[in-house]
Amino acid sequence: MFIVTYRYKLPPDKIREYIAIEQEATQIYLEHGCQGVEIYRDSEDPRYWMEINKFSDQEHYDGVIAKVEEDPRIAPLFEELKGLLEKGEMPEKAAYLRML
């Protein structure tokens, strides 16, 4: 298992818009082969959100992302997402391999 996480900081008044964007983006990722997308809100600070995208391995991730990036629906969604983030904030990305 290979996962990629994104962490976002969102103003509370932008949450509904964020969820709508994530629903559309998740559908695109799944259509192109992502094995799953999970969205979590920080239990202590509700401005922080984490997205987890699941893939079988790095090669699978690379293939899915290549297809997603070619999909004309994704760029406008990413621009919308960037517009929702707290001023000066950008998504934090990390990747992990399952070891156990």
Protein backbone atom coordinates (compact mmCIF):
# COMPACT_ATOMS: atom_id res chain seq x y z
CA MET A 1 0.00 0.00 0.00
CA PHE A 2 1.19 3.47 -0.90
CA ILE A 3 -0.65 6.52 0.42
CA VAL A 4 -0.35 10.20 -0.33
CA THR A 5 -1.64 12.70 2.19
CA TYR A 6 -2.54 16.34 1.80
CA ARG A 7 -3.11 18.63 4.77
CA TYR A 8 -5.15 21.80 4.40
CA LYS A 9 -5.98 24.74 6.65
CA LEU A 10 -9.42 26.11 5.86
CA PRO A 11 -11.46 28.93 7.35
CA PRO A 12 -14.59 27.50 9.04
CA ASP A 13 -16.90 29.40 6.68
CA LYS A 14 -15.40 27.60 3.65
CA ILE A 15 -16.06 24.00 4.78
CA ARG A 16 -19.20 23.40 2.68
CA GLU A 17 -17.41 24.58 -0.46
CA TYR A 18 -14.41 22.41 0.40
CA ILE A 19 -16.57 19.30 0.81
CA ALA A 20 -18.24 19.91 -2.57
CA ILE A 21 -14.84 20.27 -4.27
CA GLU A 22 -13.53 17.13 -2.56
CA GLN A 23 -16.56 15.12 -3.68
CA GLU A 24 -15.93 16.06 -7.31
CA ALA A 25 -12.17 15.54 -7.09
CA THR A 26 -12.59 12.18 -5.35
CA GLN A 27 -14.79 10.96 -8.20
CA ILE A 28 -12.11 11.95 -10.72
CA TYR A 29 -9.37 10.17 -8.76
CA LEU A 30 -11.48 7.02 -8.43
CA GLU A 31 -12.36 7.04 -12.14
CA HIS A 32 -8.65 7.02 -12.96
CA GLY A 33 -7.78 4.13 -10.63
CA CYS A 34 -7.16 5.52 -7.14
CA GLN A 35 -8.08 2.78 -4.65
CA GLY A 36 -9.70 5.12 -2.16
CA VAL A 37 -9.88 8.63 -0.79
CA GLU A 38 -10.53 9.49 2.85
CA ILE A 39 -11.07 12.94 4.33
CA TYR A 40 -10.47 13.75 8.01
CA ARG A 41 -10.89 16.86 10.13
CA ASP A 42 -8.48 17.54 12.98
CA SER A 43 -10.10 16.64 16.30
CA GLU A 44 -8.57 19.61 18.13
CA ASP A 45 -8.50 22.34 15.49
CA PRO A 46 -11.36 22.10 12.96
CA ARG A 47 -9.53 24.40 10.53
CA TYR A 48 -7.16 21.53 9.65
CA TRP A 49 -8.20 18.81 7.23
CA MET A 50 -6.33 15.80 5.88
CA GLU A 51 -6.96 13.92 2.65
CA ILE A 52 -5.58 10.39 2.19
CA ASN A 53 -5.31 8.89 -1.31
CA LYS A 54 -4.62 5.15 -1.56
CA PHE A 55 -2.64 3.32 -4.24
CA SER A 56 -1.09 -0.14 -4.52
CA ASP A 57 2.46 1.22 -4.96
CA GLN A 58 4.49 4.17 -6.29
CA GLU A 59 4.10 3.00 -9.91
CA HIS A 60 0.32 2.79 -9.54
CA TYR A 61 0.30 6.29 -8.01
CA ASP A 62 2.39 7.70 -10.85
CA GLY A 63 0.02 6.21 -13.44
CA VAL A 64 -3.13 7.46 -11.74
CA ILE A 65 -1.73 10.95 -11.22
CA ALA A 66 -0.69 11.17 -14.87
CA LYS A 67 -4.29 10.43 -15.88
CA VAL A 68 -5.76 12.78 -13.28
CA GLU A 69 -3.53 15.64 -14.40
CA GLU A 70 -4.69 15.13 -18.00
CA ASP A 71 -8.35 15.25 -16.97
CA PRO A 72 -9.70 18.74 -17.82
CA ARG A 73 -11.98 18.72 -14.77
CA ILE A 74 -9.21 18.65 -12.15
CA ALA A 75 -7.35 21.95 -12.74
CA PRO A 76 -10.39 24.17 -12.09
CA LEU A 77 -11.15 22.22 -8.90
CA PHE A 78 -7.60 22.68 -7.65
CA GLU A 79 -7.80 26.41 -8.35
CA GLU A 80 -11.09 26.57 -6.42
CA LEU A 81 -9.47 24.70 -3.53
CA LYS A 82 -6.50 27.07 -3.43
CA GLY A 83 -8.96 29.97 -3.25
CA LEU A 84 -10.55 28.47 -0.12
CA LEU A 85 -7.34 28.00 1.86
CA GLU A 86 -6.42 30.45 4.57
CA LYS A 87 -4.35 33.30 3.18
CA GLY A 88 -0.79 32.25 2.41
CA GLU A 89 -1.46 28.56 3.09
CA MET A 90 -0.71 25.80 0.57
CA PRO A 91 -1.50 22.08 0.87
CA GLU A 92 1.16 20.03 2.64
CA LYS A 93 1.87 16.81 0.74
CA ALA A 94 3.53 13.63 2.06
CA ALA A 95 3.81 10.03 0.85
CA TYR A 96 4.04 6.83 2.89
CA LEU A 97 4.64 3.13 2.23
CA ARG A 98 2.78 0.57 4.32
CA MET A 99 5.28 -1.48 6.28
CA LEU A 100 3.09 -3.78 8.38
